[in-house]
N, C-alpha and C. Protein backbone atom coordinates (compact mmCIF):
# COMPACT_ATOMS: atom_id res chain seq x y z
N MET A 1 11.79 -1.03 -2.42
CA MET A 1 10.37 -0.67 -2.39
C MET A 1 10.03 0.00 -1.06
N GLU A 2 9.17 1.01 -1.12
CA GLU A 2 8.74 1.72 0.08
C GLU A 2 8.02 0.77 1.04
N THR A 3 8.24 0.96 2.33
CA THR A 3 7.56 0.19 3.36
C THR A 3 6.98 1.16 4.39
N PRO A 4 6.07 0.68 5.27
CA PRO A 4 5.57 1.57 6.32
C PRO A 4 6.68 2.16 7.17
N VAL A 5 7.72 1.37 7.46
CA VAL A 5 8.83 1.86 8.28
C VAL A 5 9.61 2.95 7.54
N SER A 6 9.93 2.71 6.27
CA SER A 6 10.70 3.71 5.52
C SER A 6 9.88 4.98 5.31
N ALA A 7 8.56 4.84 5.18
CA ALA A 7 7.70 6.02 5.04
C ALA A 7 7.75 6.87 6.30
N ARG A 8 7.70 6.22 7.45
CA ARG A 8 7.78 6.97 8.71
C ARG A 8 9.14 7.63 8.86
N ASP A 9 10.20 6.90 8.50
CA ASP A 9 11.55 7.44 8.65
C ASP A 9 11.80 8.64 7.74
N ALA A 10 11.06 8.73 6.64
CA ALA A 10 11.27 9.82 5.68
C ALA A 10 10.66 11.13 6.15
N LEU A 11 9.76 11.06 7.13
CA LEU A 11 9.07 12.26 7.61
C LEU A 11 9.89 13.04 8.62
N SER A 12 9.62 14.33 8.68
CA SER A 12 10.20 15.20 9.70
C SER A 12 9.06 15.96 10.37
N PRO A 13 9.22 16.31 11.66
CA PRO A 13 8.17 17.06 12.35
C PRO A 13 7.83 18.35 11.60
N GLY A 14 6.53 18.58 11.43
CA GLY A 14 6.08 19.80 10.76
C GLY A 14 6.01 19.72 9.25
N ASP A 15 6.31 18.57 8.67
CA ASP A 15 6.24 18.43 7.21
C ASP A 15 4.84 18.71 6.68
N TRP A 16 4.80 19.34 5.51
CA TRP A 16 3.56 19.44 4.72
C TRP A 16 3.60 18.36 3.66
N VAL A 17 2.45 17.74 3.40
CA VAL A 17 2.43 16.56 2.54
C VAL A 17 1.25 16.60 1.57
N THR A 18 1.49 16.16 0.34
CA THR A 18 0.42 15.87 -0.61
C THR A 18 0.59 14.43 -1.08
N SER A 19 -0.46 13.87 -1.65
CA SER A 19 -0.39 12.50 -2.14
C SER A 19 -0.97 12.41 -3.55
N ILE A 20 -0.37 11.54 -4.34
CA ILE A 20 -0.82 11.30 -5.71
C ILE A 20 -1.11 9.82 -5.88
N ASP A 21 -2.27 9.51 -6.41
CA ASP A 21 -2.66 8.12 -6.68
C ASP A 21 -2.81 7.95 -8.19
N LEU A 22 -2.16 6.93 -8.72
CA LEU A 22 -2.22 6.68 -10.16
C LEU A 22 -3.38 5.77 -10.51
N THR A 23 -3.89 5.91 -11.72
CA THR A 23 -4.96 5.06 -12.23
C THR A 23 -4.37 3.93 -13.06
N ASP A 24 -4.76 2.67 -12.75
CA ASP A 24 -4.30 1.51 -13.52
C ASP A 24 -2.80 1.58 -13.76
N ALA A 25 -2.06 1.67 -12.66
CA ALA A 25 -0.63 1.96 -12.74
C ALA A 25 0.14 1.01 -13.65
N TYR A 26 -0.04 -0.29 -13.48
CA TYR A 26 0.75 -1.25 -14.24
C TYR A 26 0.51 -1.13 -15.74
N PHE A 27 -0.70 -0.76 -16.12
CA PHE A 27 -1.03 -0.71 -17.55
C PHE A 27 -0.28 0.41 -18.28
N HIS A 28 0.43 1.27 -17.54
CA HIS A 28 1.23 2.30 -18.18
C HIS A 28 2.56 1.75 -18.69
N ILE A 29 2.91 0.54 -18.26
CA ILE A 29 4.19 -0.05 -18.64
C ILE A 29 3.96 -1.02 -19.79
N LEU A 30 4.38 -0.64 -21.00
CA LEU A 30 4.17 -1.48 -22.17
C LEU A 30 5.21 -2.60 -22.20
N MET A 31 4.77 -3.79 -22.60
CA MET A 31 5.65 -4.94 -22.71
C MET A 31 6.25 -5.00 -24.11
N HIS A 32 7.49 -5.48 -24.19
CA HIS A 32 8.12 -5.63 -25.50
C HIS A 32 7.33 -6.66 -26.32
N PRO A 33 7.13 -6.41 -27.60
CA PRO A 33 6.33 -7.34 -28.43
C PRO A 33 6.80 -8.78 -28.35
N SER A 34 8.11 -9.02 -28.22
CA SER A 34 8.61 -10.39 -28.16
C SER A 34 8.25 -11.10 -26.86
N ASP A 35 7.87 -10.33 -25.84
CA ASP A 35 7.52 -10.92 -24.54
C ASP A 35 6.02 -11.08 -24.34
N GLN A 36 5.24 -10.47 -25.20
CA GLN A 36 3.79 -10.49 -25.00
C GLN A 36 3.19 -11.89 -25.09
N LYS A 37 3.86 -12.78 -25.84
CA LYS A 37 3.33 -14.14 -25.99
C LYS A 37 3.33 -14.90 -24.67
N TRP A 38 4.15 -14.47 -23.71
CA TRP A 38 4.20 -15.12 -22.40
C TRP A 38 3.09 -14.64 -21.48
N LEU A 39 2.31 -13.70 -21.93
CA LEU A 39 1.25 -13.11 -21.10
C LEU A 39 -0.12 -13.40 -21.69
N ARG A 40 -0.27 -14.59 -22.24
CA ARG A 40 -1.53 -14.98 -22.86
C ARG A 40 -2.44 -15.69 -21.88
N PHE A 41 -3.75 -15.61 -22.14
CA PHE A 41 -4.74 -16.35 -21.37
C PHE A 41 -5.92 -16.67 -22.27
N ARG A 42 -6.64 -17.69 -21.88
CA ARG A 42 -7.78 -18.14 -22.67
C ARG A 42 -9.08 -17.69 -22.01
N TRP A 43 -9.99 -17.19 -22.80
CA TRP A 43 -11.34 -16.86 -22.34
C TRP A 43 -12.31 -17.49 -23.33
N GLY A 44 -12.97 -18.56 -22.88
CA GLY A 44 -13.83 -19.30 -23.79
C GLY A 44 -13.00 -19.96 -24.87
N GLU A 45 -13.33 -19.67 -26.11
CA GLU A 45 -12.59 -20.23 -27.24
C GLU A 45 -11.55 -19.25 -27.80
N ARG A 46 -11.39 -18.12 -27.13
CA ARG A 46 -10.49 -17.10 -27.65
C ARG A 46 -9.24 -16.98 -26.77
N ILE A 47 -8.14 -16.60 -27.38
CA ILE A 47 -6.88 -16.40 -26.67
C ILE A 47 -6.49 -14.93 -26.77
N PHE A 48 -6.18 -14.34 -25.62
CA PHE A 48 -5.78 -12.93 -25.56
C PHE A 48 -4.35 -12.86 -25.01
N GLN A 49 -3.69 -11.74 -25.27
CA GLN A 49 -2.39 -11.51 -24.65
C GLN A 49 -2.27 -10.04 -24.26
N PHE A 50 -1.61 -9.82 -23.13
CA PHE A 50 -1.42 -8.46 -22.64
C PHE A 50 -0.35 -7.74 -23.46
N ARG A 51 -0.61 -6.50 -23.75
CA ARG A 51 0.40 -5.63 -24.36
C ARG A 51 1.09 -4.77 -23.31
N ALA A 52 0.47 -4.68 -22.12
CA ALA A 52 1.02 -3.90 -21.02
C ALA A 52 1.24 -4.82 -19.82
N LEU A 53 1.95 -4.31 -18.83
CA LEU A 53 2.25 -5.08 -17.63
C LEU A 53 0.96 -5.44 -16.91
N PRO A 54 0.66 -6.72 -16.73
CA PRO A 54 -0.62 -7.10 -16.13
C PRO A 54 -0.57 -7.14 -14.61
N PHE A 55 -1.70 -6.89 -13.98
CA PHE A 55 -1.84 -7.12 -12.55
C PHE A 55 -1.82 -8.63 -12.30
N GLY A 56 -1.27 -9.04 -11.18
CA GLY A 56 -1.25 -10.46 -10.85
C GLY A 56 0.05 -11.15 -11.20
N LEU A 57 0.87 -10.56 -12.07
CA LEU A 57 2.17 -11.12 -12.40
C LEU A 57 3.11 -10.92 -11.21
N SER A 58 3.79 -11.99 -10.79
CA SER A 58 4.59 -11.91 -9.56
C SER A 58 5.69 -10.85 -9.65
N LEU A 59 6.22 -10.61 -10.83
CA LEU A 59 7.29 -9.63 -10.99
C LEU A 59 6.77 -8.21 -11.22
N ALA A 60 5.47 -8.05 -11.38
CA ALA A 60 4.91 -6.74 -11.71
C ALA A 60 5.27 -5.65 -10.70
N PRO A 61 5.14 -5.88 -9.38
CA PRO A 61 5.49 -4.82 -8.43
C PRO A 61 6.95 -4.40 -8.55
N TRP A 62 7.84 -5.38 -8.74
CA TRP A 62 9.27 -5.07 -8.85
C TRP A 62 9.54 -4.26 -10.11
N ILE A 63 8.96 -4.68 -11.24
CA ILE A 63 9.16 -3.97 -12.50
C ILE A 63 8.66 -2.53 -12.40
N PHE A 64 7.46 -2.36 -11.84
CA PHE A 64 6.89 -1.01 -11.73
C PHE A 64 7.74 -0.15 -10.80
N THR A 65 8.22 -0.75 -9.71
CA THR A 65 9.06 -0.01 -8.77
C THR A 65 10.34 0.47 -9.44
N MET A 66 10.96 -0.38 -10.28
CA MET A 66 12.18 0.01 -10.97
C MET A 66 11.93 1.19 -11.91
N VAL A 67 10.78 1.22 -12.55
CA VAL A 67 10.44 2.33 -13.45
C VAL A 67 10.24 3.62 -12.66
N VAL A 68 9.45 3.55 -11.60
CA VAL A 68 9.15 4.75 -10.80
C VAL A 68 10.40 5.25 -10.09
N ARG A 69 11.30 4.34 -9.76
CA ARG A 69 12.54 4.75 -9.08
C ARG A 69 13.33 5.74 -9.92
N GLN A 70 13.25 5.61 -11.24
CA GLN A 70 13.97 6.55 -12.12
C GLN A 70 13.37 7.96 -12.01
N LEU A 71 12.05 8.03 -11.90
CA LEU A 71 11.40 9.34 -11.70
C LEU A 71 11.81 9.93 -10.36
N CYS A 72 11.83 9.10 -9.33
CA CYS A 72 12.23 9.58 -8.00
C CYS A 72 13.64 10.14 -8.02
N ALA A 73 14.55 9.42 -8.69
CA ALA A 73 15.94 9.88 -8.76
C ALA A 73 16.03 11.21 -9.51
N LEU A 74 15.23 11.35 -10.56
CA LEU A 74 15.25 12.58 -11.37
C LEU A 74 14.80 13.79 -10.56
N VAL A 75 13.67 13.67 -9.87
CA VAL A 75 13.13 14.83 -9.15
C VAL A 75 13.92 15.12 -7.88
N ARG A 76 14.57 14.11 -7.31
CA ARG A 76 15.37 14.36 -6.12
C ARG A 76 16.59 15.22 -6.45
N GLN A 77 17.02 15.20 -7.69
CA GLN A 77 18.10 16.09 -8.12
C GLN A 77 17.66 17.55 -8.06
N GLN A 78 16.34 17.76 -8.03
CA GLN A 78 15.78 19.11 -7.94
C GLN A 78 15.31 19.41 -6.52
N ASP A 79 15.84 18.64 -5.55
CA ASP A 79 15.51 18.81 -4.13
C ASP A 79 14.04 18.58 -3.83
N VAL A 80 13.42 17.68 -4.58
CA VAL A 80 12.03 17.30 -4.32
C VAL A 80 12.03 16.01 -3.50
N ARG A 81 11.31 16.03 -2.39
CA ARG A 81 11.20 14.83 -1.55
C ARG A 81 9.97 14.04 -2.01
N LEU A 82 10.23 13.02 -2.78
CA LEU A 82 9.16 12.16 -3.31
C LEU A 82 9.35 10.75 -2.78
N ARG A 83 8.28 10.20 -2.19
CA ARG A 83 8.27 8.81 -1.73
C ARG A 83 7.20 8.08 -2.53
N ALA A 84 7.53 6.89 -3.01
CA ALA A 84 6.60 6.17 -3.88
C ALA A 84 6.50 4.70 -3.47
N PHE A 85 5.28 4.26 -3.20
CA PHE A 85 4.99 2.84 -3.01
C PHE A 85 4.05 2.45 -4.14
N LEU A 86 4.61 1.84 -5.18
CA LEU A 86 3.85 1.48 -6.37
C LEU A 86 3.11 2.71 -6.91
N ASP A 87 1.77 2.71 -6.84
CA ASP A 87 1.01 3.83 -7.42
C ASP A 87 0.58 4.85 -6.37
N ASP A 88 1.11 4.76 -5.15
CA ASP A 88 0.81 5.73 -4.09
C ASP A 88 2.06 6.57 -3.82
N TRP A 89 1.98 7.86 -4.13
CA TRP A 89 3.13 8.74 -4.01
C TRP A 89 2.88 9.83 -2.97
N LEU A 90 3.95 10.20 -2.27
CA LEU A 90 3.92 11.31 -1.31
C LEU A 90 4.94 12.36 -1.72
N ILE A 91 4.55 13.63 -1.60
CA ILE A 91 5.48 14.74 -1.79
C ILE A 91 5.54 15.50 -0.46
N LEU A 92 6.76 15.70 0.05
CA LEU A 92 6.94 16.28 1.38
C LEU A 92 7.82 17.52 1.32
N ASN A 93 7.52 18.47 2.19
CA ASN A 93 8.36 19.65 2.32
C ASN A 93 8.01 20.37 3.62
N GLN A 94 9.01 21.02 4.20
CA GLN A 94 8.77 21.78 5.42
C GLN A 94 7.98 23.06 5.16
N ASP A 95 8.00 23.52 3.92
CA ASP A 95 7.29 24.74 3.55
C ASP A 95 6.05 24.40 2.74
N ARG A 96 4.91 24.97 3.12
CA ARG A 96 3.64 24.64 2.47
C ARG A 96 3.64 25.02 0.99
N GLU A 97 4.12 26.21 0.67
CA GLU A 97 4.11 26.66 -0.72
C GLU A 97 5.07 25.83 -1.57
N ALA A 98 6.21 25.48 -1.00
CA ALA A 98 7.16 24.64 -1.74
C ALA A 98 6.57 23.27 -2.01
N CYS A 99 5.80 22.76 -1.06
CA CYS A 99 5.13 21.47 -1.24
C CYS A 99 4.16 21.54 -2.41
N SER A 100 3.41 22.63 -2.50
CA SER A 100 2.47 22.82 -3.62
C SER A 100 3.21 22.89 -4.95
N ALA A 101 4.32 23.64 -4.96
CA ALA A 101 5.09 23.79 -6.20
C ALA A 101 5.67 22.45 -6.64
N HIS A 102 6.19 21.69 -5.69
CA HIS A 102 6.76 20.38 -6.02
C HIS A 102 5.68 19.40 -6.48
N THR A 103 4.49 19.53 -5.92
CA THR A 103 3.38 18.67 -6.35
C THR A 103 3.02 18.95 -7.81
N ARG A 104 2.98 20.23 -8.17
CA ARG A 104 2.70 20.59 -9.57
C ARG A 104 3.79 20.05 -10.50
N LEU A 105 5.03 20.09 -10.03
CA LEU A 105 6.14 19.57 -10.82
C LEU A 105 5.99 18.06 -11.06
N ILE A 106 5.65 17.32 -10.00
CA ILE A 106 5.48 15.87 -10.11
C ILE A 106 4.31 15.54 -11.03
N LEU A 107 3.22 16.28 -10.91
CA LEU A 107 2.07 16.06 -11.79
C LEU A 107 2.45 16.26 -13.25
N CYS A 108 3.24 17.29 -13.51
CA CYS A 108 3.69 17.56 -14.87
C CYS A 108 4.59 16.45 -15.38
N GLN A 109 5.52 16.01 -14.53
CA GLN A 109 6.43 14.93 -14.92
C GLN A 109 5.66 13.64 -15.16
N ALA A 110 4.69 13.35 -14.30
CA ALA A 110 3.90 12.13 -14.45
C ALA A 110 3.12 12.16 -15.76
N HIS A 111 2.56 13.33 -16.08
CA HIS A 111 1.80 13.47 -17.33
C HIS A 111 2.71 13.26 -18.54
N GLU A 112 3.91 13.83 -18.49
CA GLU A 112 4.84 13.70 -19.61
C GLU A 112 5.27 12.25 -19.80
N LEU A 113 5.31 11.47 -18.71
CA LEU A 113 5.70 10.06 -18.79
C LEU A 113 4.53 9.16 -19.15
N GLY A 114 3.34 9.74 -19.28
CA GLY A 114 2.18 8.96 -19.69
C GLY A 114 1.35 8.39 -18.56
N PHE A 115 1.65 8.76 -17.32
CA PHE A 115 0.87 8.26 -16.18
C PHE A 115 -0.44 9.03 -16.07
N SER A 116 -1.49 8.33 -15.67
CA SER A 116 -2.79 8.96 -15.42
C SER A 116 -3.01 9.07 -13.91
N VAL A 117 -3.35 10.25 -13.45
CA VAL A 117 -3.54 10.49 -12.02
C VAL A 117 -5.01 10.35 -11.66
N ASN A 118 -5.28 9.63 -10.59
CA ASN A 118 -6.63 9.50 -10.07
C ASN A 118 -6.90 10.71 -9.18
N GLN A 119 -7.55 11.71 -9.73
CA GLN A 119 -7.78 12.96 -9.00
C GLN A 119 -8.63 12.74 -7.76
N ALA A 120 -9.60 11.82 -7.82
CA ALA A 120 -10.50 11.61 -6.69
C ALA A 120 -9.77 11.04 -5.48
N LYS A 121 -8.77 10.20 -5.72
CA LYS A 121 -8.05 9.57 -4.62
C LYS A 121 -6.79 10.34 -4.22
N SER A 122 -6.41 11.32 -5.00
CA SER A 122 -5.22 12.11 -4.68
C SER A 122 -5.58 13.26 -3.75
N GLU A 123 -4.62 13.64 -2.90
CA GLU A 123 -4.78 14.80 -2.01
C GLU A 123 -3.74 15.83 -2.43
N LEU A 124 -4.17 16.79 -3.24
CA LEU A 124 -3.23 17.72 -3.86
C LEU A 124 -3.07 19.03 -3.08
N THR A 125 -3.82 19.18 -2.01
CA THR A 125 -3.66 20.35 -1.13
C THR A 125 -2.78 19.96 0.05
N PRO A 126 -1.66 20.66 0.28
CA PRO A 126 -0.76 20.28 1.36
C PRO A 126 -1.47 20.23 2.71
N SER A 127 -1.15 19.20 3.47
CA SER A 127 -1.74 19.02 4.79
C SER A 127 -0.69 18.42 5.72
N GLN A 128 -0.91 18.59 7.01
CA GLN A 128 -0.01 17.99 8.00
C GLN A 128 -0.62 16.76 8.66
N THR A 129 -1.81 16.38 8.22
CA THR A 129 -2.42 15.11 8.61
C THR A 129 -2.83 14.38 7.33
N PHE A 130 -2.46 13.14 7.21
CA PHE A 130 -2.72 12.41 5.97
C PHE A 130 -2.66 10.91 6.24
N THR A 131 -3.24 10.16 5.32
CA THR A 131 -3.24 8.70 5.39
C THR A 131 -2.38 8.14 4.26
N TYR A 132 -1.51 7.19 4.62
CA TYR A 132 -0.61 6.59 3.64
C TYR A 132 -0.29 5.17 4.07
N LEU A 133 -0.46 4.22 3.15
CA LEU A 133 -0.18 2.80 3.42
C LEU A 133 -0.92 2.31 4.65
N GLY A 134 -2.16 2.77 4.82
CA GLY A 134 -2.97 2.31 5.93
C GLY A 134 -2.63 2.93 7.27
N MET A 135 -1.83 4.00 7.27
CA MET A 135 -1.44 4.68 8.50
C MET A 135 -1.90 6.13 8.46
N ARG A 136 -2.35 6.63 9.60
CA ARG A 136 -2.78 8.01 9.73
C ARG A 136 -1.67 8.80 10.41
N PHE A 137 -1.07 9.74 9.68
CA PHE A 137 0.05 10.52 10.19
C PHE A 137 -0.40 11.92 10.61
N ASP A 138 0.26 12.44 11.62
CA ASP A 138 0.09 13.84 12.03
C ASP A 138 1.49 14.38 12.30
N THR A 139 1.96 15.28 11.44
CA THR A 139 3.33 15.77 11.60
C THR A 139 3.44 16.92 12.59
N VAL A 140 2.30 17.39 13.10
CA VAL A 140 2.32 18.45 14.11
C VAL A 140 2.52 17.86 15.50
N ASP A 141 1.64 16.91 15.87
CA ASP A 141 1.82 16.27 17.18
C ASP A 141 2.73 15.04 17.08
N TRP A 142 3.24 14.80 15.85
CA TRP A 142 4.24 13.75 15.60
C TRP A 142 3.74 12.38 16.06
N SER A 143 2.61 11.99 15.45
CA SER A 143 1.99 10.72 15.81
C SER A 143 1.64 9.93 14.55
N VAL A 144 1.51 8.64 14.72
CA VAL A 144 1.06 7.76 13.64
C VAL A 144 0.22 6.66 14.27
N ARG A 145 -0.88 6.34 13.62
CA ARG A 145 -1.79 5.32 14.13
C ARG A 145 -2.45 4.63 12.94
N PRO A 146 -3.12 3.51 13.17
CA PRO A 146 -3.82 2.85 12.06
C PRO A 146 -4.90 3.76 11.49
N SER A 147 -5.11 3.68 10.20
CA SER A 147 -6.17 4.47 9.59
C SER A 147 -7.53 3.98 10.09
N GLN A 148 -8.53 4.86 10.05
CA GLN A 148 -9.86 4.49 10.52
C GLN A 148 -10.41 3.32 9.71
N ARG A 149 -10.08 3.27 8.45
CA ARG A 149 -10.56 2.17 7.60
C ARG A 149 -10.05 0.82 8.11
N ARG A 150 -8.78 0.77 8.53
CA ARG A 150 -8.22 -0.48 9.04
C ARG A 150 -8.84 -0.85 10.38
N VAL A 151 -9.08 0.17 11.21
CA VAL A 151 -9.71 -0.09 12.51
C VAL A 151 -11.12 -0.63 12.31
N ASP A 152 -11.87 -0.02 11.41
CA ASP A 152 -13.24 -0.48 11.13
C ASP A 152 -13.23 -1.91 10.60
N LYS A 153 -12.27 -2.23 9.74
CA LYS A 153 -12.19 -3.58 9.18
C LYS A 153 -11.94 -4.60 10.28
N LEU A 154 -11.03 -4.28 11.20
CA LEU A 154 -10.74 -5.20 12.31
C LEU A 154 -11.96 -5.36 13.20
N GLN A 155 -12.63 -4.27 13.52
CA GLN A 155 -13.82 -4.35 14.36
C GLN A 155 -14.90 -5.21 13.71
N ASN A 156 -15.08 -5.07 12.42
CA ASN A 156 -16.09 -5.88 11.72
C ASN A 156 -15.71 -7.36 11.72
N LEU A 157 -14.42 -7.66 11.57
CA LEU A 157 -13.97 -9.05 11.61
C LEU A 157 -14.22 -9.66 12.98
N VAL A 158 -13.92 -8.89 14.03
CA VAL A 158 -14.12 -9.40 15.40
C VAL A 158 -15.60 -9.58 15.70
N LYS A 159 -16.44 -8.64 15.27
CA LYS A 159 -17.88 -8.77 15.49
C LYS A 159 -18.43 -10.00 14.78
N SER A 160 -17.97 -10.22 13.55
CA SER A 160 -18.42 -11.39 12.80
C SER A 160 -17.98 -12.67 13.49
N LEU A 161 -16.77 -12.67 14.02
CA LEU A 161 -16.24 -13.84 14.73
C LEU A 161 -17.03 -14.10 16.00
N ALA A 162 -17.36 -13.04 16.73
CA ALA A 162 -18.09 -13.19 17.99
C ALA A 162 -19.51 -13.68 17.79
N SER A 163 -20.06 -13.48 16.61
CA SER A 163 -21.45 -13.89 16.35
C SER A 163 -21.57 -15.37 16.01
N GLN A 164 -20.46 -16.06 15.87
CA GLN A 164 -20.48 -17.47 15.48
C GLN A 164 -20.26 -18.36 16.69
N LYS A 165 -20.95 -19.49 16.72
CA LYS A 165 -20.84 -20.41 17.85
C LYS A 165 -19.46 -21.04 17.92
N GLN A 166 -18.90 -21.35 16.77
CA GLN A 166 -17.57 -21.93 16.72
C GLN A 166 -16.72 -21.12 15.76
N ALA A 167 -15.54 -20.72 16.22
CA ALA A 167 -14.69 -19.84 15.42
C ALA A 167 -14.02 -20.62 14.30
N PRO A 168 -14.30 -20.29 13.04
CA PRO A 168 -13.62 -20.95 11.92
C PRO A 168 -12.14 -20.56 11.88
N VAL A 169 -11.30 -21.48 11.45
CA VAL A 169 -9.87 -21.23 11.37
C VAL A 169 -9.58 -20.02 10.47
N LYS A 170 -10.26 -19.96 9.34
CA LYS A 170 -10.02 -18.87 8.39
C LYS A 170 -10.35 -17.51 9.00
N ALA A 171 -11.45 -17.45 9.78
CA ALA A 171 -11.85 -16.19 10.40
C ALA A 171 -10.83 -15.76 11.46
N LEU A 172 -10.35 -16.72 12.25
CA LEU A 172 -9.34 -16.41 13.26
C LEU A 172 -8.05 -15.91 12.60
N ALA A 173 -7.67 -16.58 11.51
CA ALA A 173 -6.46 -16.18 10.81
C ALA A 173 -6.60 -14.77 10.23
N SER A 174 -7.78 -14.42 9.75
CA SER A 174 -8.01 -13.08 9.20
C SER A 174 -7.87 -12.01 10.28
N VAL A 175 -8.43 -12.29 11.46
CA VAL A 175 -8.32 -11.35 12.57
C VAL A 175 -6.85 -11.17 12.97
N LEU A 176 -6.14 -12.30 13.10
CA LEU A 176 -4.73 -12.23 13.49
C LEU A 176 -3.89 -11.49 12.45
N GLY A 177 -4.19 -11.72 11.18
CA GLY A 177 -3.45 -11.02 10.13
C GLY A 177 -3.67 -9.52 10.18
N GLN A 178 -4.90 -9.12 10.42
CA GLN A 178 -5.21 -7.69 10.50
C GLN A 178 -4.56 -7.06 11.74
N MET A 179 -4.57 -7.79 12.85
CA MET A 179 -3.94 -7.28 14.07
C MET A 179 -2.43 -7.16 13.90
N GLU A 180 -1.83 -8.13 13.23
CA GLU A 180 -0.38 -8.09 13.01
C GLU A 180 0.00 -6.89 12.16
N SER A 181 -0.83 -6.54 11.18
CA SER A 181 -0.52 -5.41 10.30
C SER A 181 -0.52 -4.08 11.05
N MET A 182 -1.15 -4.05 12.23
CA MET A 182 -1.22 -2.82 13.02
C MET A 182 -0.44 -2.92 14.32
N ALA A 183 0.28 -4.04 14.51
CA ALA A 183 0.91 -4.32 15.80
C ALA A 183 1.91 -3.25 16.22
N THR A 184 2.64 -2.68 15.27
CA THR A 184 3.65 -1.68 15.62
C THR A 184 3.07 -0.28 15.78
N LEU A 185 1.77 -0.13 15.54
CA LEU A 185 1.14 1.20 15.58
C LEU A 185 0.31 1.44 16.83
N VAL A 186 0.15 0.41 17.66
CA VAL A 186 -0.64 0.56 18.89
C VAL A 186 0.18 0.03 20.06
N PRO A 187 -0.02 0.56 21.26
CA PRO A 187 0.72 0.08 22.43
C PRO A 187 0.46 -1.40 22.68
N LEU A 188 1.53 -2.13 22.92
CA LEU A 188 1.44 -3.57 23.22
C LEU A 188 0.64 -4.30 22.14
N GLY A 189 0.89 -3.91 20.90
CA GLY A 189 0.09 -4.43 19.79
C GLY A 189 0.02 -5.94 19.73
N ARG A 190 1.14 -6.62 19.89
CA ARG A 190 1.15 -8.08 19.76
C ARG A 190 0.58 -8.78 20.99
N VAL A 191 0.54 -8.09 22.11
CA VAL A 191 -0.06 -8.69 23.31
C VAL A 191 -1.55 -8.94 23.08
N HIS A 192 -2.22 -8.04 22.37
CA HIS A 192 -3.65 -8.18 22.12
C HIS A 192 -3.98 -9.40 21.25
N LYS A 193 -2.97 -9.93 20.57
CA LYS A 193 -3.20 -11.08 19.69
C LYS A 193 -3.30 -12.40 20.45
N ARG A 194 -2.79 -12.45 21.67
CA ARG A 194 -2.61 -13.72 22.37
C ARG A 194 -3.90 -14.52 22.54
N PRO A 195 -5.02 -13.90 22.95
CA PRO A 195 -6.25 -14.71 23.07
C PRO A 195 -6.67 -15.35 21.75
N PHE A 196 -6.49 -14.62 20.66
CA PHE A 196 -6.86 -15.17 19.35
C PHE A 196 -5.89 -16.26 18.91
N GLN A 197 -4.61 -16.10 19.27
CA GLN A 197 -3.64 -17.14 18.95
C GLN A 197 -3.95 -18.42 19.71
N ALA A 198 -4.34 -18.27 20.99
CA ALA A 198 -4.70 -19.44 21.78
C ALA A 198 -5.93 -20.13 21.21
N ALA A 199 -6.91 -19.33 20.77
CA ALA A 199 -8.11 -19.91 20.17
C ALA A 199 -7.78 -20.64 18.88
N LEU A 200 -6.86 -20.08 18.10
CA LEU A 200 -6.48 -20.72 16.84
C LEU A 200 -5.78 -22.04 17.10
N ARG A 201 -4.89 -22.06 18.08
CA ARG A 201 -4.19 -23.31 18.40
C ARG A 201 -5.14 -24.39 18.89
N SER A 202 -6.23 -23.97 19.53
CA SER A 202 -7.17 -24.96 20.08
C SER A 202 -8.01 -25.64 19.00
N VAL A 203 -8.11 -25.02 17.82
CA VAL A 203 -8.95 -25.60 16.77
C VAL A 203 -8.16 -26.03 15.54
N TRP A 204 -6.86 -25.73 15.52
CA TRP A 204 -6.09 -26.06 14.33
C TRP A 204 -4.68 -26.48 14.70
N ASN A 205 -4.28 -27.63 14.19
CA ASN A 205 -2.92 -28.12 14.37
C ASN A 205 -2.29 -28.24 13.00
N PRO A 206 -1.33 -27.37 12.67
CA PRO A 206 -0.76 -27.40 11.32
C PRO A 206 0.11 -28.61 11.04
N SER A 207 0.50 -29.35 12.10
CA SER A 207 1.36 -30.51 11.90
C SER A 207 0.58 -31.63 11.23
N PRO A 208 1.16 -32.31 10.26
CA PRO A 208 0.46 -33.41 9.59
C PRO A 208 0.23 -34.58 10.53
N GLN A 209 -0.92 -35.20 10.39
CA GLN A 209 -1.25 -36.36 11.20
C GLN A 209 -0.78 -37.63 10.48
N ILE A 210 0.03 -38.43 11.17
CA ILE A 210 0.56 -39.67 10.59
C ILE A 210 -0.17 -40.85 11.21
N SER A 211 -0.86 -41.58 10.38
CA SER A 211 -1.61 -42.73 10.88
C SER A 211 -0.75 -43.98 10.84
N GLY A 212 -0.90 -44.85 11.87
CA GLY A 212 -0.09 -46.06 11.94
C GLY A 212 -0.67 -47.18 11.11
């Protein structure tokens, strides 16, 4: 499965990039009729079962990745650089026109396979600055940083935390989790976590208390 590290490693300076976002990705994968009985749930007095791969199933990301991997292997035989993290796809090329042509090819292949593309969330015009997996890339100045959305989310979490007289454990953990997700994208990323880690230790001891 694609990761932030593998996405960065796949890029080259000066790359042109487009992105494709799928709509209801898992629902494109139909389940075998004999397996659908294992995907039942109750709503009121009625029982339903999924005919397609449901969101929330622990194996769903792996299953979807295995399906998309076949598409990636197919187009790579045509010298298309396609990176896919579940329903978020990147098409890369050093040449802008080739990137456009390869994007049209992927869109055609996706349509033939029954995938629906979310046009509003897709970036189909080649660019050298783009956001992917919460990271903002620039292939011209060869930089990567947290997306503005992630920065705004962290700032809002910190502001909310600062407005409270006593820091709740859950709020501290949320801040630390968000900071950890960006730790490799900012200078001394993990150093900035230390005050919050100290605050968390002061209000929460994960070790069980044994009474005598």
